[in-house]
Protein backbone atom coordinates (compact mmCIF):
# COMPACT_ATOMS: atom_id res chain seq x y z
CA MET A 1 26.27 105.02 10.08
CA LEU A 2 23.85 104.53 12.98
CA ARG A 3 20.99 105.76 10.78
CA LYS A 4 21.88 103.19 8.09
CA ILE A 5 21.96 100.38 10.64
CA ALA A 6 18.59 101.46 12.09
CA ALA A 7 17.04 101.68 8.62
CA THR A 8 18.32 98.22 7.72
CA ALA A 9 16.93 96.76 10.96
CA ALA A 10 13.55 98.35 10.33
CA LEU A 11 13.38 96.85 6.86
CA LEU A 12 14.23 93.38 8.18
CA ALA A 13 11.54 93.68 10.84
CA MET A 14 8.76 94.60 8.42
CA PRO A 15 6.43 91.57 8.01
CA THR A 16 5.32 92.70 4.57
CA MET A 17 8.81 92.28 3.20
CA ALA A 18 9.06 88.50 3.48
CA PHE A 19 10.84 87.23 0.38
CA ALA A 20 10.50 84.04 -1.63
CA GLN A 21 13.39 82.05 -3.07
CA ASP A 22 13.73 84.20 -6.17
CA GLY A 23 13.95 87.49 -4.29
CA VAL A 24 10.41 88.60 -5.10
CA PRO A 25 8.12 89.54 -2.18
CA ALA A 26 6.09 86.51 -1.10
CA ALA A 27 2.49 86.52 -2.20
CA GLY A 28 -0.67 84.98 -0.84
CA ASP A 29 -3.19 85.71 1.86
CA GLY A 30 -1.70 85.38 5.34
CA ALA A 31 -4.79 83.85 6.95
CA ASP A 32 -5.21 81.28 4.18
CA THR A 33 -1.52 80.39 4.29
CA ALA A 34 -1.60 79.98 8.06
CA TRP A 35 -4.63 77.71 7.88
CA ILE A 36 -3.11 75.47 5.19
CA LEU A 37 0.08 75.13 7.23
CA VAL A 38 -2.00 74.07 10.23
CA ALA A 39 -3.95 71.67 8.01
CA THR A 40 -0.64 70.25 6.78
CA ALA A 41 0.37 69.48 10.35
CA LEU A 42 -3.03 67.86 10.99
CA VAL A 43 -2.65 65.55 7.99
CA LEU A 44 0.83 64.57 9.13
CA LEU A 45 -0.72 63.85 12.54
CA MET A 46 -3.00 61.42 10.74
CA ALA A 47 -0.19 59.77 8.83
CA LEU A 48 2.24 59.12 11.68
CA PRO A 49 0.78 58.70 15.17
CA GLY A 50 -2.82 58.32 13.96
CA LEU A 51 -2.42 55.64 11.32
CA GLY A 52 0.44 53.98 13.19
CA LEU A 53 -1.61 53.52 16.36
CA PHE A 54 -4.77 52.56 14.46
CA TYR A 55 -3.00 49.79 12.54
CA GLY A 56 -0.66 48.88 15.40
CA GLY A 57 -3.48 48.09 17.76
CA LEU A 58 -5.21 45.86 15.22
CA VAL A 59 -2.31 43.44 14.74
CA ARG A 60 -0.98 40.84 17.14
CA ALA A 61 1.57 42.06 19.68
CA LYS A 62 4.46 40.30 17.92
CA ASN A 63 3.99 42.50 14.84
CA PHE A 64 3.25 45.86 16.44
CA LEU A 65 6.69 47.42 15.95
CA SER A 66 6.92 46.21 12.36
CA VAL A 67 3.69 48.00 11.50
CA MET A 68 4.82 51.23 13.16
CA LEU A 69 8.14 51.06 11.32
CA GLN A 70 6.51 50.40 7.95
CA VAL A 71 4.07 53.30 8.31
CA ALA A 72 6.82 55.72 9.34
CA ALA A 73 9.27 54.55 6.67
CA VAL A 74 6.68 54.70 3.90
CA VAL A 75 5.78 58.26 4.92
CA GLY A 76 9.48 59.11 4.89
CA ILE A 77 10.33 57.72 1.45
CA ALA A 78 7.14 59.14 -0.09
CA SER A 79 7.96 62.58 1.31
CA ILE A 80 11.48 62.62 -0.12
CA LEU A 81 10.35 61.44 -3.55
CA TRP A 82 7.56 64.04 -3.58
CA VAL A 83 10.13 66.80 -3.10
CA VAL A 84 12.49 65.38 -5.72
CA VAL A 85 10.07 64.50 -8.51
CA GLY A 86 6.54 63.62 -7.34
CA TYR A 87 5.24 67.15 -7.01
CA THR A 88 6.26 68.20 -10.49
CA LEU A 89 4.75 65.02 -11.98
CA ALA A 90 1.44 65.71 -10.25
CA PHE A 91 1.24 69.51 -10.42
CA GLY A 92 3.73 70.59 -13.08
CA ASN A 93 2.46 72.05 -16.33
CA SER A 94 0.29 69.41 -17.96
CA THR A 95 1.64 67.49 -20.93
CA GLY A 96 -1.43 66.36 -22.84
CA GLY A 97 -3.44 66.00 -19.65
CA TRP A 98 -1.56 62.86 -18.59
CA ILE A 99 1.40 63.95 -16.46
CA GLY A 100 3.12 67.09 -15.24
CA ASP A 101 6.34 68.38 -16.73
CA GLY A 102 9.65 69.09 -15.02
CA ARG A 103 8.91 72.68 -14.05
CA ALA A 104 9.51 72.07 -10.34
CA TRP A 105 12.08 69.26 -10.05
CA MET A 106 13.48 69.28 -6.50
CA MET A 107 11.04 72.14 -5.83
CA ILE A 108 13.71 74.60 -7.01
CA ASP A 109 11.43 76.74 -9.17
CA LEU A 110 8.30 77.20 -7.08
CA LEU A 111 6.17 80.21 -7.87
CA ASN A 112 5.25 83.00 -5.47
CA VAL A 113 1.59 82.21 -6.08
CA SER A 114 0.34 78.66 -6.43
CA PRO A 115 -1.40 77.92 -9.75
CA ALA A 116 -3.97 75.99 -7.69
CA SER A 117 -4.86 78.95 -5.47
CA PRO A 118 -3.98 82.66 -5.82
CA ASN A 119 -4.19 82.97 -2.03
CA LEU A 120 -1.27 80.62 -1.34
CA PRO A 121 2.46 80.59 -2.02
CA GLU A 122 3.25 77.51 -4.09
CA SER A 123 5.56 76.23 -1.34
CA THR A 124 2.58 76.06 1.04
CA PHE A 125 0.46 74.21 -1.49
CA ALA A 126 3.30 71.81 -2.33
CA MET A 127 3.87 70.94 1.33
CA PHE A 128 0.16 70.39 1.92
CA GLN A 129 0.00 68.04 -1.04
CA LEU A 130 3.13 66.24 0.22
CA THR A 131 1.17 64.96 3.20
CA PHE A 132 -1.45 63.45 0.88
CA ALA A 133 1.25 61.74 -1.18
CA ALA A 134 2.76 60.40 2.06
CA ILE A 135 -0.36 59.03 3.75
CA THR A 136 -1.79 57.36 0.62
CA PRO A 137 0.80 54.55 0.30
CA ALA A 138 0.93 54.28 4.10
CA LEU A 139 -2.77 53.34 4.06
CA MET A 140 -1.85 50.20 2.11
CA VAL A 141 0.34 48.89 4.96
CA GLY A 142 -2.82 47.53 6.59
CA ALA A 143 -3.32 45.04 3.76
CA TRP A 144 -0.04 43.16 4.20
CA VAL A 145 0.73 43.29 7.92
CA ASP A 146 2.26 40.17 9.52
CA ARG A 147 3.80 38.85 6.31
CA ALA A 148 5.39 41.42 3.96
CA ARG A 149 9.16 42.03 3.93
CA PHE A 150 10.28 45.48 4.95
CA GLY A 151 12.62 45.97 1.98
CA TRP A 152 9.95 45.01 -0.51
CA VAL A 153 7.46 47.35 1.15
CA ILE A 154 9.76 50.36 0.86
CA ALA A 155 10.74 49.65 -2.75
CA PHE A 156 7.17 48.94 -3.83
CA THR A 157 5.61 52.02 -2.19
CA ALA A 158 8.37 54.29 -3.51
CA ILE A 159 7.74 53.25 -7.11
CA TRP A 160 3.97 53.14 -6.58
CA GLY A 161 3.91 56.76 -5.46
CA LEU A 162 5.53 57.89 -8.70
CA LEU A 163 3.76 55.60 -11.16
CA VAL A 164 0.27 55.40 -9.63
CA TYR A 165 -0.38 58.24 -7.19
CA ALA A 166 1.33 61.10 -9.05
CA PRO A 167 -0.37 60.45 -12.43
CA VAL A 168 -3.82 60.07 -10.87
CA ALA A 169 -3.32 63.24 -8.81
CA HIS A 170 -2.45 65.03 -12.05
CA TRP A 171 -5.47 63.63 -13.89
CA VAL A 172 -7.90 64.87 -11.25
CA TRP A 173 -6.25 67.83 -9.46
CA GLY A 174 -3.31 68.94 -11.58
CA GLY A 175 -5.02 70.01 -14.80
CA GLY A 176 -5.30 66.52 -16.27
CA TRP A 177 -7.91 64.90 -18.45
CA LEU A 178 -10.31 63.66 -15.75
CA GLY A 179 -10.54 67.09 -14.20
CA ALA A 180 -11.10 68.59 -17.65
CA MET A 181 -14.02 66.19 -18.15
CA GLY A 182 -15.61 67.55 -14.99
CA ALA A 183 -14.68 64.82 -12.47
CA LYS A 184 -14.82 66.09 -8.88
CA ASP A 185 -12.81 64.92 -5.89
CA PHE A 186 -12.74 67.43 -3.08
CA ALA A 187 -10.09 65.81 -0.88
CA GLY A 188 -9.12 62.39 -2.20
CA GLY A 189 -11.92 59.87 -2.60
CA ILE A 190 -10.53 58.97 -6.02
CA VAL A 191 -6.93 60.16 -5.78
CA VAL A 192 -6.24 58.77 -2.29
CA HIS A 193 -8.77 56.16 -1.23
CA THR A 194 -9.58 54.51 -4.55
CA THR A 195 -5.92 54.16 -5.53
CA ALA A 196 -4.81 52.90 -2.10
CA GLY A 197 -7.82 50.63 -1.55
CA VAL A 198 -7.71 48.88 -4.92
CA SER A 199 -3.92 48.56 -4.82
CA ALA A 200 -4.09 47.10 -1.30
CA LEU A 201 -6.51 44.43 -2.49
CA VAL A 202 -4.20 43.48 -5.37
CA VAL A 203 -1.19 43.16 -3.06
CA ALA A 204 -3.20 41.08 -0.57
CA LEU A 205 -4.09 38.67 -3.38
CA LEU A 206 -0.48 38.46 -4.57
CA LEU A 207 0.93 37.92 -1.09
CA GLY A 208 -1.57 35.26 -0.11
CA ARG A 209 -3.19 34.65 3.25
CA ARG A 210 -1.57 34.86 6.66
CA GLN A 211 -0.98 31.59 8.47
CA GLY A 212 -4.17 30.80 10.34
CA PHE A 213 -6.48 32.81 8.10
CA PRO A 214 -9.45 32.47 7.94
CA SER A 215 -9.94 29.79 10.61
CA GLY A 216 -7.43 31.02 13.20
CA ALA A 217 -8.00 33.75 15.76
CA LEU A 218 -6.00 36.72 14.48
CA LEU A 219 -7.28 39.11 17.11
CA PRO A 220 -6.08 42.70 17.71
CA HIS A 221 -3.73 42.94 20.67
CA ALA A 222 -4.68 46.48 21.76
CA PRO A 223 -8.20 47.66 20.78
CA GLY A 224 -7.74 50.72 22.98
CA MET A 225 -4.72 51.74 20.94
CA THR A 226 -6.76 51.36 17.77
CA MET A 227 -9.46 53.58 19.26
CA LEU A 228 -6.86 56.22 20.15
CA GLY A 229 -5.44 56.04 16.63
CA ALA A 230 -8.93 56.46 15.16
CA MET A 231 -9.49 59.54 17.33
CA LEU A 232 -6.26 61.08 16.06
CA LEU A 233 -7.26 60.25 12.48
CA TRP A 234 -10.69 61.80 13.08
CA VAL A 235 -9.21 65.09 14.30
CA GLY A 236 -6.47 65.08 11.67
CA TRP A 237 -9.07 64.55 8.96
CA PHE A 238 -10.25 68.12 9.57
CA GLY A 239 -6.98 69.21 8.00
CA PHE A 240 -7.34 66.62 5.25
CA ASN A 241 -10.78 67.81 4.17
CA GLY A 242 -10.95 71.33 5.58
CA GLY A 243 -7.52 72.15 4.19
CA SER A 244 -8.58 71.01 0.74
CA ALA A 245 -10.72 74.14 0.49
CA LEU A 246 -7.35 75.97 0.21
CA THR A 247 -8.87 78.97 2.00
CA ALA A 248 -9.71 79.93 5.58
CA THR A 249 -13.34 80.60 4.68
CA ASP A 250 -16.81 79.11 4.92
CA ASP A 251 -15.74 76.45 2.40
CA ALA A 252 -13.31 75.02 4.95
CA SER A 253 -15.81 75.30 7.77
CA MET A 254 -18.51 73.42 5.88
CA ALA A 255 -16.06 70.73 4.81
CA ILE A 256 -15.12 70.18 8.46
CA ILE A 257 -18.75 70.12 9.60
CA ASN A 258 -19.59 67.55 6.93
CA THR A 259 -16.52 65.49 7.81
CA HIS A 260 -17.38 65.36 11.50
CA THR A 261 -21.05 64.64 10.88
CA ALA A 262 -20.41 61.73 8.50
CA ALA A 263 -17.84 60.17 10.84
CA ALA A 264 -20.13 60.40 13.86
CA THR A 265 -23.06 58.92 11.94
CA ALA A 266 -21.09 56.01 10.50
CA ALA A 267 -19.41 55.17 13.81
CA LEU A 268 -22.69 55.07 15.73
CA LEU A 269 -24.49 53.07 13.06
CA TRP A 270 -21.58 50.60 12.89
CA VAL A 271 -21.80 49.80 16.61
CA LEU A 272 -25.58 49.48 16.25
CA ILE A 273 -25.07 46.90 13.49
CA GLU A 274 -22.66 45.06 15.79
CA ARG A 275 -25.20 45.14 18.60
CA ILE A 276 -27.90 43.67 16.38
CA LYS A 277 -25.63 41.05 14.81
CA PHE A 278 -23.44 39.98 17.75
CA GLY A 279 -25.24 41.29 20.82
CA LYS A 280 -22.52 43.80 21.77
CA SER A 281 -20.71 46.83 20.45
CA THR A 282 -16.91 47.14 20.28
CA THR A 283 -14.27 49.84 20.26
CA VAL A 284 -12.79 48.39 17.08
CA GLY A 285 -16.23 48.60 15.46
CA PHE A 286 -16.68 52.23 16.47
CA ALA A 287 -13.19 53.08 15.17
CA THR A 288 -13.73 51.24 11.89
CA GLY A 289 -17.10 52.87 11.35
CA ALA A 290 -15.63 56.32 11.93
CA ILE A 291 -12.88 55.73 9.37
CA ALA A 292 -15.43 54.42 6.87
CA GLY A 293 -17.49 57.57 7.30
CA LEU A 294 -14.43 59.79 6.93
CA ALA A 295 -13.28 58.02 3.76
CA THR A 296 -16.75 58.17 2.22
CA VAL A 297 -17.37 61.86 2.86
CA THR A 298 -13.87 62.91 1.73
CA PRO A 299 -14.57 63.33 -2.01
CA ALA A 300 -17.82 65.20 -1.31
CA ALA A 301 -16.99 67.22 1.82
CA GLY A 302 -16.89 70.61 0.13
CA PHE A 303 -19.81 70.06 -2.25
CA ILE A 304 -22.66 68.97 0.06
CA ASN A 305 -24.61 70.08 3.13
CA PRO A 306 -24.60 68.43 6.58
CA GLY A 307 -27.87 66.59 5.89
CA ALA A 308 -26.25 64.86 2.95
CA ALA A 309 -23.23 64.11 5.15
CA ILE A 310 -25.49 62.18 7.51
CA LEU A 311 -26.80 60.12 4.59
CA LEU A 312 -23.25 59.49 3.40
CA GLY A 313 -22.39 58.31 6.92
CA VAL A 314 -25.29 55.87 6.82
CA ALA A 315 -24.24 54.60 3.41
CA ALA A 316 -20.64 54.24 4.58
CA ALA A 317 -21.55 52.06 7.56
CA VAL A 318 -23.91 49.79 5.66
CA VAL A 319 -21.88 49.36 2.47
CA CYS A 320 -18.39 49.17 4.03
CA TYR A 321 -19.59 46.68 6.66
CA ALA A 322 -21.05 44.53 3.88
CA ALA A 323 -17.80 44.87 1.93
CA ILE A 324 -15.78 43.48 4.86
CA VAL A 325 -18.12 40.50 5.10
CA LEU A 326 -17.85 39.92 1.34
CA VAL A 327 -14.06 40.22 1.08
CA LYS A 328 -13.11 38.28 4.21
CA ASN A 329 -15.94 35.86 4.88
CA ARG A 330 -17.24 35.10 1.39
CA LEU A 331 -14.20 35.56 -0.87
CA LYS A 332 -11.65 34.62 1.83
CA ILE A 333 -9.26 37.39 0.74
CA ASP A 334 -6.86 38.32 3.53
CA ASP A 335 -6.85 42.11 3.30
CA SER A 336 -5.63 42.07 6.87
CA LEU A 337 -6.97 45.38 8.20
CA ASP A 338 -9.74 45.91 5.62
CA VAL A 339 -8.03 48.64 3.60
CA PHE A 340 -10.06 47.91 0.47
CA ALA A 341 -13.41 47.42 2.19
CA VAL A 342 -13.13 50.59 4.28
CA HIS A 343 -10.94 53.03 2.34
CA GLY A 344 -11.39 51.74 -1.20
CA VAL A 345 -15.11 51.03 -1.09
CA GLY A 346 -15.79 54.13 1.02
CA GLY A 347 -13.84 56.39 -1.34
CA MET A 348 -15.52 55.00 -4.45
CA LEU A 349 -18.97 55.16 -2.85
CA GLY A 350 -18.55 58.79 -1.82
CA SER A 351 -17.10 59.73 -5.21
CA ILE A 352 -20.21 58.50 -6.97
CA LEU A 353 -22.79 59.73 -4.44
CA LEU A 354 -21.40 63.26 -4.53
CA ALA A 355 -22.88 63.49 -8.03
CA VAL A 356 -26.30 63.23 -6.41
CA PHE A 357 -25.84 65.29 -3.27
CA MET A 358 -24.07 68.24 -4.86
CA SER A 359 -27.35 69.15 -6.55
CA ILE A 360 -28.61 72.59 -5.52
CA ASP A 361 -32.03 71.05 -4.95
CA LEU A 362 -30.45 68.84 -2.27
CA GLY A 363 -28.49 71.66 -0.65
CA GLY A 364 -25.24 71.14 -2.55
CA THR A 365 -23.03 73.60 -4.37
CA GLY A 366 -24.53 72.76 -7.77
CA TYR A 367 -23.17 71.46 -11.05
CA ALA A 368 -20.99 73.16 -13.60
CA GLU A 369 -22.74 74.88 -16.49
CA GLY A 370 -24.21 72.35 -18.89
CA MET A 371 -23.83 69.47 -16.40
CA SER A 372 -26.84 67.56 -15.07
CA MET A 373 -27.06 64.97 -12.31
CA GLY A 374 -27.08 62.18 -14.87
CA ASN A 375 -24.03 63.54 -16.67
CA MET A 376 -22.24 64.02 -13.37
CA LEU A 377 -22.98 60.45 -12.32
CA GLY A 378 -21.53 59.20 -15.59
CA VAL A 379 -18.36 61.27 -15.25
CA GLN A 380 -17.82 60.22 -11.63
CA ALA A 381 -18.41 56.55 -12.39
CA LEU A 382 -16.01 56.72 -15.32
CA ALA A 383 -13.33 58.36 -13.17
CA VAL A 384 -13.70 55.72 -10.45
CA VAL A 385 -13.54 52.81 -12.91
CA VAL A 386 -10.57 54.21 -14.85
CA VAL A 387 -8.57 54.94 -11.71
CA ALA A 388 -9.44 51.58 -10.14
CA VAL A 389 -8.37 49.62 -13.23
CA PHE A 390 -5.24 51.72 -13.71
CA SER A 391 -4.28 51.26 -10.05
CA ALA A 392 -4.86 47.50 -10.14
CA ILE A 393 -2.80 46.91 -13.30
CA LEU A 394 0.12 49.14 -12.33
CA THR A 395 0.15 47.77 -8.79
CA ALA A 396 0.41 44.19 -10.03
CA ILE A 397 3.23 45.11 -12.42
CA ILE A 398 5.18 47.04 -9.76
CA ALA A 399 4.66 44.42 -7.04
CA ILE A 400 5.77 41.52 -9.21
CA GLY A 401 8.62 43.51 -10.72
CA VAL A 402 10.04 44.43 -7.30
CA SER A 403 9.65 40.81 -6.14
CA LEU A 404 12.09 39.75 -8.85
CA PHE A 405 14.82 41.51 -6.87
CA MET A 406 13.60 41.02 -3.30
CA PRO A 407 10.97 38.59 -1.98
CA MET A 408 7.56 39.99 -1.11
CA ARG A 409 6.89 37.70 1.82
CA VAL A 410 8.79 36.66 4.94
CA SER A 411 9.51 32.98 5.60
CA GLU A 412 7.04 30.78 7.46
CA ASP A 413 9.32 30.69 10.49
CA GLU A 414 9.64 34.49 10.55
CA GLU A 415 5.88 34.85 10.30
CA VAL A 416 5.34 32.47 13.23
CA GLN A 417 7.92 34.23 15.41
CA GLY A 418 6.60 37.66 14.51
CA LEU A 419 8.24 40.43 12.52
CA ASP A 420 9.15 42.43 15.61
CA THR A 421 11.70 39.77 16.53
CA THR A 422 12.85 38.61 13.12
CA SER A 423 13.01 42.01 11.41
CA HIS A 424 13.94 44.66 13.96
CA GLY A 425 13.98 43.35 17.50
CA GLU A 426 16.80 43.62 20.00
CA ARG A 427 19.15 41.98 17.50
CA GLY A 428 18.58 44.78 15.00
CA TRP A 429 16.60 44.78 11.79
CA HIS A 430 17.29 43.88 8.19
CA LEU A 431 15.85 44.99 4.88
CA ASP A 432 15.04 41.63 3.35
């Protein structure tokens, strides 16, 4: 009897006998799995404290808590829906290249080995992708701060994640038609930043301007908090881009080097532009420049060399800065925290420029067989345009449809008082 107990204990202690849900020994490389789990935590670090502090510091003090709540709640609802249905729509078996099937509803039939990477259990891959699905709609919160109703935000982002994000993720990453055409997106320039940036712009147009925009002083109440949030985003982005290699190898290392290099370049050039234009550099400028560089290098991080990352950082600072001036000063569109100009424009810019810098002659990983730089540029441009148009149309339909049941915007009095008091202050909070 003692021998049986000892044998049973020895079997339970053996690390090689970890079992998956279906009773089959778990597969995958241990080092790769460990790295992707760490990367998952880093992306969640971006989504919650990072993005929350970055956006929270940029708004006026009377709306700080409302922004933090919206970011956290959007991450929460997106996570739940990803488990229930989002993952299988994005990464289930492709049905005609347009959407995934129901193979993994509720994640109850995950495979021992992920179809995306033979080195990972599918549960690891699914959790890593959950963080992308969670942070993407949370990025849009910056477009409607100070004036959007909490209930509308939750309903809109929940539907948006299933009807916009999941299909686009399938088209590019899940075996869909854009990926089959040869479109490349290493970590989300198209899937994350283009969808969120374009959709944010559409919602900003539908909601209208904040009271006081553009003539009033809508200044950030805590630039230091924004800087801290940007630093957390910067570090977390190593998981975002480095994790997208799906292996703990040189591919991840180079993606992280390129990510860091582009962010540093864009941040420094941004404050230089501020110095030339206004006579001084700011913490908000440094933080914004860093995020622009990170968004721009994201689609290309695993396909280029560090020299190209520097050039992408330069392009990010110049183009995204010009985009802010165009959207806010020229067009007078109140995209409150510049989601489109920084994330949208940066993601689209990097998605197109990767077609140039992935050339072997420029130190990149090279093109697929039969693909030239010109062909690659055409494919990337087509992917960006298709996803941008799709995101804009579906966003408008979802936003207006949800508004038929709950108003998009708070009342004038609530906006003046601030959403922290009217929505969830000491007297509690309400959905609509």
